[in-house]
Amino acid sequence: MEIYVTFSRTIVGYFNVRTFAGGAQYNVRGDLFRDLSGIHPRAVTGTVAISTDTWRTIKADRWTRKIDAAGRKEVIA
C-alpha cells in the first residue's frame, strides 16, 4: 500500500512532511527522507508516494519530530 505525502525542505536541510490522509505533519532528517523516498537531491517541494513500511521507518527515526497545530515540536517516543 502507498501513502501520498507532500514535502518542503527547510532552510537547515530537514523536510516538513505532511500526509494527505490524516494531515499529520512531521519534521524529518533530510538525508533519511531523500534516501527512503527516492526524491532528487535538489528537490525543495513536492508530492511523493511512499510505501507504508517506508513511512513506519521514517516515523521510527529518533530525529523525526511531530509538529503540532501551534507549530511547536514534540519528540515522538
Protein backbone atom coordinates (compact mmCIF):
# COMPACT_ATOMS: atom_id res chain seq x y z
CA MET A 1 0.00 0.00 0.00
CA GLU A 2 1.22 3.51 -0.76
CA ILE A 3 0.82 6.75 1.16
CA TYR A 4 0.94 10.11 -0.57
CA VAL A 5 2.83 12.84 1.26
CA THR A 6 3.76 16.42 0.46
CA PHE A 7 7.15 17.75 1.47
CA SER A 8 9.01 21.01 1.68
CA ARG A 9 12.66 21.47 2.59
CA THR A 10 13.56 23.77 5.47
CA ILE A 11 16.46 26.19 5.49
CA VAL A 12 18.53 23.83 7.66
CA GLY A 13 18.05 20.80 5.36
CA TYR A 14 15.25 18.96 7.12
CA PHE A 15 11.94 18.21 5.41
CA ASN A 16 8.47 19.10 6.67
CA VAL A 17 6.36 16.15 5.54
CA ARG A 18 2.55 16.14 5.65
CA THR A 19 0.31 13.14 4.98
CA PHE A 20 -2.72 13.53 2.73
CA ALA A 21 -4.97 11.20 4.71
CA GLY A 22 -4.57 12.41 8.28
CA GLY A 23 -2.89 15.75 7.73
CA ALA A 24 -0.23 14.99 10.35
CA GLN A 25 2.97 16.97 9.86
CA TYR A 26 6.46 15.72 10.70
CA ASN A 27 9.93 17.26 10.62
CA VAL A 28 12.23 14.62 9.08
CA ARG A 29 16.00 14.46 8.61
CA GLY A 30 16.89 15.43 5.05
CA ASP A 31 19.23 12.56 4.16
CA LEU A 32 16.84 9.96 5.57
CA PHE A 33 13.84 11.30 3.66
CA ARG A 34 15.77 11.60 0.37
CA ASP A 35 17.17 8.07 0.65
CA LEU A 36 13.88 6.39 1.55
CA SER A 37 11.54 8.33 -0.73
CA GLY A 38 13.82 8.43 -3.77
CA ILE A 39 13.40 12.14 -4.45
CA HIS A 40 16.05 14.14 -6.32
CA PRO A 41 18.80 15.58 -4.08
CA ARG A 42 17.95 19.14 -5.17
CA ALA A 43 14.17 18.77 -4.64
CA VAL A 44 12.71 21.53 -2.49
CA THR A 45 8.97 20.88 -2.50
CA GLY A 46 6.61 18.33 -4.00
CA THR A 47 4.46 15.25 -3.58
CA VAL A 48 5.64 11.66 -3.48
CA ALA A 49 4.10 8.22 -2.94
CA ILE A 50 5.89 6.06 -0.38
CA SER A 51 5.12 2.61 0.98
CA THR A 52 3.66 2.09 4.43
CA ASP A 53 6.86 0.30 5.51
CA THR A 54 8.91 3.31 4.46
CA TRP A 55 6.55 5.61 6.37
CA ARG A 56 6.97 3.47 9.51
CA THR A 57 10.75 3.67 9.14
CA ILE A 58 10.61 7.46 8.82
CA LYS A 59 8.40 7.80 11.90
CA ALA A 60 10.64 5.44 13.91
CA ASP A 61 13.79 7.53 13.33
CA ARG A 62 14.94 9.13 16.58
CA TRP A 63 15.30 12.58 14.95
CA THR A 64 11.80 12.66 13.46
CA ARG A 65 9.56 15.10 15.29
CA LYS A 66 5.82 15.65 15.04
CA ILE A 67 4.77 19.26 14.61
CA ASP A 68 1.57 20.10 16.44
CA ALA A 69 -1.04 22.64 15.31
CA ALA A 70 0.60 25.54 17.20
CA GLY A 71 3.95 24.98 15.44
CA ARG A 72 5.75 23.58 18.47
CA LYS A 73 7.70 20.36 18.01
CA GLU A 74 7.35 17.20 20.07
CA VAL A 75 9.70 14.23 20.12
CA ILE A 76 7.93 11.08 19.02
CA ALA A 77 8.51 8.35 21.57
